[in-house]
C-alpha atoms as a PDB file:
ATOM      1  CA  MET A   1      11.618  11.193   9.195  1.00  0.00           C
ATOM      2  CA  SER A   2       8.162   9.855   9.912  1.00  0.00           C
ATOM      3  CA  LYS A   3       5.006  11.808   9.152  1.00  0.00           C
ATOM      4  CA  ASP A   4       4.000  11.777  12.836  1.00  0.00           C
ATOM      5  CA  LYS A   5       7.365  13.189  13.924  1.00  0.00           C
ATOM      6  CA  LEU A   6       7.194  15.902  11.267  1.00  0.00           C
ATOM      7  CA  ILE A   7       3.690  16.919  12.363  1.00  0.00           C
ATOM      8  CA  ALA A   8       4.742  16.899  16.035  1.00  0.00           C
ATOM      9  CA  ASP A   9       7.774  19.079  15.199  1.00  0.00           C
ATOM     10  CA  MET A  10       5.614  21.524  13.265  1.00  0.00           C
ATOM     11  CA  LYS A  11       3.107  21.757  16.135  1.00  0.00           C
ATOM     12  CA  ARG A  12       5.986  22.466  18.529  1.00  0.00           C
ATOM     13  CA  ILE A  13       7.288  25.235  16.234  1.00  0.00           C
ATOM     14  CA  VAL A  14       3.808  26.769  16.050  1.00  0.00           C
ATOM     15  CA  ALA A  15       3.479  26.657  19.848  1.00  0.00           C
ATOM     16  CA  ASP A  16       6.938  28.202  20.298  1.00  0.00           C
ATOM     17  CA  ALA A  17       6.158  30.953  17.798  1.00  0.00           C
ATOM     18  CA  ASP A  18       2.859  31.667  19.541  1.00  0.00           C
ATOM     19  CA  GLU A  19       4.681  31.915  22.873  1.00  0.00           C
ATOM     20  CA  LEU A  20       7.246  34.244  21.300  1.00  0.00           C
ATOM     21  CA  LEU A  21       4.428  36.494  20.066  1.00  0.00           C
ATOM     22  CA  ARG A  22       2.976  36.701  23.565  1.00  0.00           C
ATOM     23  CA  ALA A  23       6.396  37.348  25.105  1.00  0.00           C
ATOM     24  CA  THR A  24       7.141  40.227  22.699  1.00  0.00           C
ATOM     25  CA  ALA A  25       3.661  41.794  22.808  1.00  0.00           C
ATOM     26  CA  ASP A  26       4.988  44.884  24.594  1.00  0.00           C
ATOM     27  CA  GLN A  27       7.927  45.382  22.162  1.00  0.00           C
ATOM     28  CA  ALA A  28       7.742  48.432  19.896  1.00  0.00           C
ATOM     29  CA  GLY A  29       9.355  49.256  16.589  1.00  0.00           C
ATOM     30  CA  GLU A  30       8.619  48.825  12.886  1.00  0.00           C
ATOM     31  CA  LYS A  31      10.717  45.676  12.451  1.00  0.00           C
ATOM     32  CA  VAL A  32       9.104  43.961  15.427  1.00  0.00           C
ATOM     33  CA  ALA A  33       5.613  45.027  14.311  1.00  0.00           C
ATOM     34  CA  GLY A  34       6.197  43.732  10.775  1.00  0.00           C
ATOM     35  CA  LEU A  35       7.640  40.470  12.058  1.00  0.00           C
ATOM     36  CA  ARG A  36       4.708  40.027  14.466  1.00  0.00           C
ATOM     37  CA  THR A  37       2.217  40.603  11.616  1.00  0.00           C
ATOM     38  CA  ARG A  38       3.899  38.004   9.375  1.00  0.00           C
ATOM     39  CA  LEU A  39       4.270  35.540  12.222  1.00  0.00           C
ATOM     40  CA  GLU A  40       0.608  35.887  13.193  1.00  0.00           C
ATOM     41  CA  ALA A  41      -0.464  35.308   9.584  1.00  0.00           C
ATOM     42  CA  ASN A  42       1.731  32.221   9.304  1.00  0.00           C
ATOM     43  CA  LEU A  43       0.473  30.886  12.637  1.00  0.00           C
ATOM     44  CA  LYS A  44      -3.118  31.237  11.464  1.00  0.00           C
ATOM     45  CA  ALA A  45      -2.305  29.370   8.236  1.00  0.00           C
ATOM     46  CA  ALA A  46      -0.227  26.592   9.874  1.00  0.00           C
ATOM     47  CA  PRO A  47      -3.094  24.358  11.148  1.00  0.00           C
ATOM     48  CA  GLY A  48      -4.700  24.340   7.694  1.00  0.00           C
ATOM     49  CA  ARG A  49      -1.405  23.492   6.049  1.00  0.00           C
ATOM     50  CA  LEU A  50      -0.789  20.664   8.519  1.00  0.00           C
ATOM     51  CA  ALA A  51      -4.285  19.301   7.865  1.00  0.00           C
ATOM     52  CA  GLU A  52      -3.664  19.522   4.117  1.00  0.00           C
ATOM     53  CA  PHE A  53      -0.367  17.658   4.537  1.00  0.00           C
ATOM     54  CA  ALA A  54      -2.070  14.917   6.569  1.00  0.00           C
ATOM     55  CA  ALA A  55      -4.853  14.583   3.971  1.00  0.00           C
ATOM     56  CA  THR A  56      -2.314  14.361   1.161  1.00  0.00           C
ATOM     57  CA  ASP A  57      -0.479  11.634   3.066  1.00  0.00           C
ATOM     58  CA  VAL A  58      -3.734   9.693   3.563  1.00  0.00           C
ATOM     59  CA  ASN A  59      -4.527   9.997  -0.144  1.00  0.00           C
ATOM     60  CA  LYS A  60      -1.061   8.726  -1.071  1.00  0.00           C
ATOM     61  CA  THR A  61      -1.376   5.813   1.339  1.00  0.00           C
ATOM     62  CA  THR A  62      -4.799   4.961  -0.096  1.00  0.00           C
ATOM     63  CA  GLN A  63      -3.389   5.032  -3.631  1.00  0.00           C
ATOM     64  CA  ASP A  64      -0.444   2.851  -2.553  1.00  0.00           C
ATOM     65  CA  ILE A  65      -2.923   0.321  -1.148  1.00  0.00           C
ATOM     66  CA  ARG A  66      -4.923   0.397  -4.388  1.00  0.00           C
ATOM     67  CA  ASP A  67      -1.728  -0.142  -6.383  1.00  0.00           C
ATOM     68  CA  ALA A  68      -0.733  -3.054  -4.152  1.00  0.00           C
ATOM     69  CA  LEU A  69      -4.175  -4.628  -4.505  1.00  0.00           C
ATOM     70  CA  GLN A  70      -3.983  -4.252  -8.281  1.00  0.00           C
ATOM     71  CA  LYS A  71      -0.603  -5.999  -8.289  1.00  0.00           C
ATOM     72  CA  ILE A  72      -2.029  -8.791  -6.130  1.00  0.00           C
ATOM     73  CA  SER A  73      -4.999  -9.101  -8.496  1.00  0.00           C
ATOM     74  CA  ASP A  74      -2.679  -9.206 -11.509  1.00  0.00           C
ATOM     75  CA  ALA A  75      -0.531 -11.862  -9.834  1.00  0.00           C
ATOM     76  CA  ALA A  76      -3.620 -13.928  -8.997  1.00  0.00           C
ATOM     77  CA  THR A  77      -4.780 -13.673 -12.622  1.00  0.00           C
ATOM     78  CA  GLN A  78      -1.365 -14.752 -13.873  1.00  0.00           C
ATOM     79  CA  SER A  79      -1.340 -17.610 -11.385  1.00  0.00           C
ATOM     80  CA  SER A  80      -4.786 -18.697 -12.534  1.00  0.00           C
ATOM     81  CA  GLU A  81      -3.699 -18.609 -16.172  1.00  0.00           C
ATOM     82  CA  ALA A  82      -0.566 -20.600 -15.327  1.00  0.00           C
ATOM     83  CA  ALA A  83      -2.710 -23.156 -13.494  1.00  0.00           C
ATOM     84  CA  ARG A  84      -5.019 -23.451 -16.499  1.00  0.00           C
ATOM     85  CA  GLU A  85      -2.038 -23.965 -18.810  1.00  0.00           C
ATOM     86  CA  ALA A  86      -0.531 -26.526 -16.435  1.00  0.00           C
ATOM     87  CA  ALA A  87      -3.836 -28.382 -16.262  1.00  0.00           C
ATOM     88  CA  GLN A  88      -4.092 -28.382 -20.056  1.00  0.00           C
ATOM     89  CA  LYS A  89      -0.543 -29.720 -20.385  1.00  0.00           C
ATOM     90  CA  ALA A  90      -1.270 -32.337 -17.762  1.00  0.00           C
ATOM     91  CA  GLU A  91      -4.436 -33.361 -19.602  1.00  0.00           C
ATOM     92  CA  ASP A  92      -2.467 -33.644 -22.829  1.00  0.00           C
ATOM     93  CA  SER A  93       0.137 -35.738 -21.018  1.00  0.00           C
ATOM     94  CA  VAL A  94      -2.587 -37.980 -19.650  1.00  0.00           C
ATOM     95  CA  LYS A  95      -3.974 -38.518 -23.127  1.00  0.00           C
ATOM     96  CA  LYS A  96      -0.536 -39.386 -24.458  1.00  0.00           C
ATOM     97  CA  ALA A  97       0.186 -41.588 -21.469  1.00  0.00           C
ATOM     98  CA  THR A  98      -3.117 -43.390 -21.880  1.00  0.00           C
ATOM     99  CA  GLU A  99      -2.065 -44.277 -25.363  1.00  0.00           C
ATOM    100  CA  SER A 100       1.225 -45.694 -24.094  1.00  0.00           C
ATOM    101  CA  GLY A 101      -0.070 -47.536 -21.058  1.00  0.00           C
ATOM    102  CA  LYS A 102      -1.880 -47.488 -17.780  1.00  0.00           C
ATOM    103  CA  GLU A 103       1.201 -46.930 -15.577  1.00  0.00           C
ATOM    104  CA  ALA A 104       2.294 -43.876 -17.511  1.00  0.00           C
ATOM    105  CA  ALA A 105      -1.263 -42.531 -17.309  1.00  0.00           C
ATOM    106  CA  GLN A 106      -1.229 -42.877 -13.538  1.00  0.00           C
ATOM    107  CA  HIS A 107       2.022 -40.917 -13.291  1.00  0.00           C
ATOM    108  CA  ALA A 108       0.630 -38.227 -15.548  1.00  0.00           C
ATOM    109  CA  ALA A 109      -2.568 -38.045 -13.516  1.00  0.00           C
ATOM    110  CA  GLU A 110      -0.525 -37.646 -10.329  1.00  0.00           C
ATOM    111  CA  ALA A 111       1.509 -34.894 -11.985  1.00  0.00           C
ATOM    112  CA  ALA A 112      -1.705 -33.192 -13.080  1.00  0.00           C
ATOM    113  CA  ARG A 113      -3.134 -33.370  -9.558  1.00  0.00           C
ATOM    114  CA  ASP A 114       0.105 -31.988  -8.117  1.00  0.00           C
ATOM    115  CA  ALA A 115       0.178 -29.133 -10.624  1.00  0.00           C
ATOM    116  CA  ALA A 116      -3.480 -28.295 -10.009  1.00  0.00           C
ATOM    117  CA  ASN A 117      -2.972 -28.400  -6.212  1.00  0.00           C
ATOM    118  CA  LYS A 118       0.057 -26.114  -6.448  1.00  0.00           C
ATOM    119  CA  ALA A 119      -1.859 -23.666  -8.612  1.00  0.00           C
ATOM    120  CA  LEU A 120      -4.843 -23.763  -6.277  1.00  0.00           C
ATOM    121  CA  ASN A 121      -2.584 -23.155  -3.266  1.00  0.00           C
ATOM    122  CA  ALA A 122      -0.950 -20.190  -5.026  1.00  0.00           C
ATOM    123  CA  ILE A 123      -4.337 -18.669  -5.889  1.00  0.00           C
ATOM    124  CA  THR A 124      -5.587 -19.229  -2.344  1.00  0.00           C
ATOM    125  CA  GLU A 125      -2.497 -17.533  -0.904  1.00  0.00           C
ATOM    126  CA  MET A 126      -2.903 -14.556  -3.261  1.00  0.00           C
ATOM    127  CA  ALA A 127      -6.551 -14.216  -2.257  1.00  0.00           C
ATOM    128  CA  ARG A 128      -5.579 -14.341   1.426  1.00  0.00           C
ATOM    129  CA  LYS A 129      -2.952 -11.634   0.910  1.00  0.00           C
ATOM    130  CA  ALA A 130      -5.442  -9.472  -0.954  1.00  0.00           C
ATOM    131  CA  LYS A 131      -7.971  -9.908   1.846  1.00  0.00           C
ATOM    132  CA  ASP A 132      -5.332  -9.035   4.470  1.00  0.00           C
ATOM    133  CA  ALA A 133      -4.312  -5.925   2.508  1.00  0.00           C
ATOM    134  CA  ILE A 134      -7.929  -4.806   2.235  1.00  0.00           C
ATOM    135  CA  ASN A 135      -8.530  -5.355   5.956  1.00  0.00           C
ATOM    136  CA  LYS A 136      -5.535  -3.201   6.926  1.00  0.00           C
END
């Protein structure tokens, strides 16, 4: 059940109870009087409780967004670290390849560029997702 539907249902119940109070205003008796007193007290408290529920929901949603942003930040950090490690390995490969010949060095340099581009693309995508999450 969605939050909006729950709030709409509760508002309808409050309105129905208020109408019932007005319809039974001329009814006498201890049971009816006691019920009317309790119902009036609950009707007065209902708007505050609904507002409290809505505020709690907003706070939870805000915390969920913060948690999601933290996960995105952590993923971006991990991606950055992986890119740094890949670049270091590529640099090491280039050094080794240079020792064994120019052609091998070219292949290693291409692999290093590819690894760096992939890492950069991953970081860029994470940053875009974080920005989109913040803007929502």
